[in-house]
Protein backbone atom coordinates (compact mmCIF):
# COMPACT_ATOMS: atom_id res chain seq x y z
CA MET A 1 7.28 -31.45 11.55
CA THR A 2 3.62 -31.29 10.66
CA THR A 3 0.86 -30.85 13.17
CA PRO A 4 -2.14 -33.14 13.05
CA GLY A 5 -5.38 -31.53 12.03
CA PRO A 6 -7.45 -30.61 9.04
CA ASP A 7 -5.75 -30.10 5.72
CA PRO A 8 -5.43 -26.34 4.99
CA ALA A 9 -6.25 -26.87 1.31
CA ALA A 10 -9.43 -28.75 2.24
CA LEU A 11 -10.42 -25.96 4.63
CA ARG A 12 -9.88 -23.35 1.91
CA SER A 13 -11.93 -25.29 -0.63
CA ARG A 14 -14.71 -25.87 1.90
CA ARG A 15 -14.77 -22.17 2.76
CA ALA A 16 -14.79 -21.26 -0.94
CA ALA A 17 -17.71 -23.60 -1.57
CA GLU A 18 -19.61 -22.07 1.34
CA ARG A 19 -19.00 -18.54 0.07
CA ALA A 20 -20.03 -19.50 -3.47
CA PHE A 21 -23.25 -21.05 -2.15
CA VAL A 22 -24.00 -17.90 -0.14
CA ARG A 23 -23.35 -15.65 -3.15
CA ALA A 24 -25.64 -17.70 -5.37
CA HIS A 25 -28.49 -18.44 -2.96
CA HIS A 26 -28.66 -15.52 -0.50
CA PRO A 27 -32.16 -14.05 -0.09
CA ASP A 28 -30.81 -10.56 -0.87
CA VAL A 29 -30.01 -11.73 -4.41
CA GLY A 30 -33.33 -13.45 -4.95
CA GLY A 31 -32.82 -16.80 -3.25
CA ASP A 32 -35.39 -18.62 -1.15
CA PRO A 33 -34.74 -17.89 2.56
CA VAL A 34 -35.80 -21.36 3.73
CA ALA A 35 -33.68 -23.17 1.12
CA PHE A 36 -30.77 -20.84 1.90
CA ALA A 37 -30.90 -21.60 5.62
CA ALA A 38 -31.18 -25.33 5.00
CA GLY A 39 -28.32 -25.33 2.48
CA LEU A 40 -26.07 -23.27 4.73
CA ALA A 41 -26.77 -25.60 7.66
CA ALA A 42 -25.95 -28.58 5.45
CA LEU A 43 -22.67 -26.99 4.31
CA ARG A 44 -21.65 -26.19 7.86
CA ALA A 45 -22.46 -29.75 8.91
CA GLY A 46 -20.15 -31.04 6.18
CA ARG A 47 -22.80 -32.25 3.75
CA THR A 48 -23.53 -31.05 0.23
CA PRO A 49 -26.89 -29.27 0.06
CA ALA A 50 -29.43 -31.07 -2.13
CA SER A 51 -30.62 -27.92 -3.90
CA ALA A 52 -27.17 -26.61 -4.72
CA PRO A 53 -25.93 -27.11 -8.26
CA PRO A 54 -22.21 -27.78 -8.66
CA VAL A 55 -20.28 -24.54 -8.30
CA THR A 56 -17.03 -23.71 -10.04
CA VAL A 57 -14.82 -21.62 -7.79
CA VAL A 58 -12.45 -19.31 -9.60
CA ALA A 59 -9.49 -18.07 -7.60
CA THR A 60 -8.59 -14.44 -8.18
CA ARG A 61 -5.73 -12.35 -6.96
CA ARG A 62 -6.30 -9.49 -4.61
CA LEU A 63 -5.36 -6.42 -6.54
CA ARG A 64 -5.16 -4.11 -3.55
CA THR A 65 -2.33 -5.83 -1.72
CA ALA A 66 0.56 -4.02 -3.42
CA PRO A 67 -0.82 -0.47 -2.88
CA VAL A 68 -1.67 -1.30 0.72
CA ARG A 69 1.84 -2.59 1.33
CA LEU A 70 3.31 0.55 -0.25
CA LEU A 71 1.10 2.79 1.87
CA ARG A 72 2.08 0.94 5.06
CA ARG A 73 5.75 1.16 4.15
CA TRP A 74 5.41 4.90 3.47
CA ARG A 75 3.59 5.49 6.80
CA ARG A 76 6.19 3.48 8.69
CA ALA A 77 9.02 5.46 7.08
CA ARG A 78 7.25 8.72 7.86
CA ARG A 79 6.76 7.71 11.50
CA THR A 80 10.38 6.69 11.99
CA ALA A 81 11.59 9.86 10.28
CA SER A 82 9.47 12.05 12.54
CA ARG A 83 10.67 10.16 15.64
CA SER A 84 14.31 10.65 14.74
CA THR A 85 13.84 14.42 14.28
CA ARG A 86 12.05 14.75 17.63
CA LEU A 87 14.90 13.08 19.50
CA SER A 88 17.59 15.36 18.05
């Protein structure tokens, strides 16, 4: 059963477009602060900012997920091993 609401894929693409706009137009990377604020407000309102050129969003994998999972598994095993020796 599906729940009514926004499409998750549409939300992801909207968020990706917002992040790409911020990366390209942020004042810290040389963008105009007034145009940045106006474009960000337009994106959050659901419109396409007039000054924003089309942005190609490239999906990348997170490379840190496997080491983080291994570290968590190792910590969990270490915790359970130390608990079992304390109870004996």
